[in-house]
Amino acid sequence: QVQLVESGGGLVQPGGSLRLSCAASGSIFSINVMGWYRQTPGKERELVATISSVGSTNYADSVKGRFTISRDNAKNTMYLQMNSLKPEDTAVYYCKTDYKRTRFASVLTSWGQGTPVTVSS
């Protein structure tokens, strides 16, 4: 239906920055809400940030002021700029999209495979 390709994860020192990207491709009529989630071993997947098709954003309290979510609708690509990274930000980050294949179809959800982010000195 729709494929999500993530990139930008890696190892960074505390206080450093990373920029994650998520590109969507496939048969898509429209992409509505896109978001970033993260998960650590033994923990449930948690919301990091979301962004609507018109740019409305939502952030978890733990990342407010440090992370910025954005999207390029022409490229069907979403970004997560992560600044002032902390060790507790270490997790596998997942991209999620809510989309429609046609105007009258139900909203579908697709997840990326995840990209690991490690914040450590």
Protein backbone atom coordinates (compact mmCIF):
# COMPACT_ATOMS: atom_id res chain seq x y z
CA GLN A 1 0.00 0.00 0.00
CA VAL A 2 2.51 2.57 1.14
CA GLN A 3 6.17 2.09 1.91
CA LEU A 4 8.00 4.18 4.48
CA VAL A 5 11.75 4.57 4.27
CA GLU A 6 13.48 6.00 7.31
CA SER A 7 16.97 7.39 7.58
CA GLY A 8 19.13 9.56 9.81
CA GLY A 9 19.47 7.47 12.94
CA GLY A 10 22.78 6.75 14.56
CA LEU A 11 25.06 7.39 17.50
CA VAL A 12 25.37 10.86 18.94
CA GLN A 13 26.79 12.35 22.13
CA PRO A 14 24.58 14.00 24.74
CA GLY A 15 23.76 17.53 23.66
CA GLY A 16 24.18 16.65 20.01
CA SER A 17 21.70 16.68 17.16
CA LEU A 18 20.23 14.30 14.62
CA ARG A 19 17.75 14.73 11.80
CA LEU A 20 15.49 11.82 10.93
CA SER A 21 13.71 11.50 7.60
CA CYS A 22 10.73 9.40 6.55
CA ALA A 23 9.80 9.17 2.88
CA ALA A 24 6.47 7.67 1.83
CA SER A 25 5.91 6.08 -1.55
CA GLY A 26 3.25 3.99 -3.28
CA SER A 27 -0.36 4.45 -4.32
CA ILE A 28 -1.50 7.36 -2.19
CA PHE A 29 -4.45 9.66 -2.63
CA SER A 30 -3.67 11.72 0.41
CA ILE A 31 -1.55 11.59 3.53
CA ASN A 32 -3.25 12.98 6.58
CA VAL A 33 -1.41 12.73 9.89
CA MET A 34 2.22 11.66 10.09
CA GLY A 35 4.08 11.00 13.27
CA TRP A 36 7.20 9.78 15.01
CA TYR A 37 7.12 7.19 17.77
CA ARG A 38 9.87 5.55 19.76
CA GLN A 39 10.37 2.36 21.70
CA THR A 40 13.01 1.00 24.07
CA PRO A 41 13.45 -2.61 25.22
CA GLY A 42 10.79 -3.59 27.72
CA LYS A 43 8.79 -0.43 27.12
CA GLU A 44 5.69 0.33 25.12
CA ARG A 45 5.93 2.37 21.97
CA GLU A 46 5.30 6.01 22.77
CA LEU A 47 4.34 9.07 20.80
CA VAL A 48 7.09 11.57 20.10
CA ALA A 49 5.44 14.04 17.73
CA THR A 50 2.76 14.29 15.06
CA ILE A 51 2.03 16.68 12.24
CA SER A 52 -1.14 17.11 10.21
CA SER A 53 -1.43 17.79 6.49
CA VAL A 54 -1.76 21.50 7.21
CA GLY A 55 1.15 21.67 9.61
CA SER A 56 -0.51 21.38 13.01
CA THR A 57 1.95 19.75 15.42
CA ASN A 58 1.83 17.88 18.69
CA TYR A 59 4.76 16.90 20.92
CA ALA A 60 5.35 14.70 23.90
CA ASP A 61 6.21 16.74 26.97
CA SER A 62 9.62 15.10 27.18
CA VAL A 63 10.73 16.51 23.82
CA LYS A 64 9.05 19.90 23.71
CA GLY A 65 11.52 22.65 22.95
CA ARG A 66 14.13 20.19 21.73
CA PHE A 67 12.52 18.33 18.82
CA THR A 68 10.87 19.80 15.75
CA ILE A 69 8.64 17.83 13.39
CA SER A 70 8.07 19.01 9.84
CA ARG A 71 6.90 17.70 6.47
CA ASP A 72 7.32 18.36 2.78
CA ASN A 73 4.00 17.47 1.18
CA ALA A 74 5.39 17.69 -2.34
CA LYS A 75 7.90 14.97 -1.48
CA ASN A 76 5.67 13.00 0.92
CA THR A 77 8.50 13.24 3.38
CA MET A 78 8.51 13.92 7.11
CA TYR A 79 11.40 15.04 9.27
CA LEU A 80 12.29 15.09 12.93
CA GLN A 81 15.00 17.51 13.96
CA MET A 82 16.34 16.42 17.33
CA ASN A 83 18.48 18.86 19.28
CA SER A 84 19.95 18.81 22.78
CA LEU A 85 19.71 15.05 22.81
CA LYS A 86 19.72 13.23 26.13
CA PRO A 87 20.57 9.60 26.98
CA GLU A 88 16.89 9.00 27.72
CA ASP A 89 16.14 9.78 24.07
CA THR A 90 17.86 6.52 23.13
CA ALA A 91 15.33 4.33 21.35
CA VAL A 92 14.24 2.91 18.03
CA TYR A 93 12.30 5.63 16.26
CA TYR A 94 9.39 4.69 14.03
CA CYS A 95 7.63 6.65 11.33
CA LYS A 96 3.86 6.33 11.01
CA THR A 97 1.49 7.64 8.35
CA ASP A 98 -2.29 7.80 8.17
CA TYR A 99 -3.39 7.89 4.55
CA LYS A 100 -6.06 7.16 1.96
CA ARG A 101 -5.57 5.29 -1.31
CA THR A 102 -8.70 6.87 -2.80
CA ARG A 103 -11.03 9.67 -1.81
CA PHE A 104 -13.72 7.29 -0.53
CA ALA A 105 -11.47 4.74 1.12
CA SER A 106 -11.04 4.33 4.83
CA VAL A 107 -8.00 5.76 6.50
CA LEU A 108 -5.12 3.29 6.58
CA THR A 109 -2.01 3.24 8.72
CA SER A 110 1.50 2.27 7.74
CA TRP A 111 4.61 1.94 9.89
CA GLY A 112 8.26 2.12 8.99
CA GLN A 113 10.76 -0.47 10.15
CA GLY A 114 12.39 1.88 12.61
CA THR A 115 15.76 3.55 12.86
CA PRO A 116 17.85 3.32 16.03
CA VAL A 117 19.04 6.40 17.86
CA THR A 118 21.67 6.06 20.56
CA VAL A 119 22.65 9.00 22.75
CA SER A 120 25.77 8.17 24.69
CA SER A 121 29.23 9.52 25.44
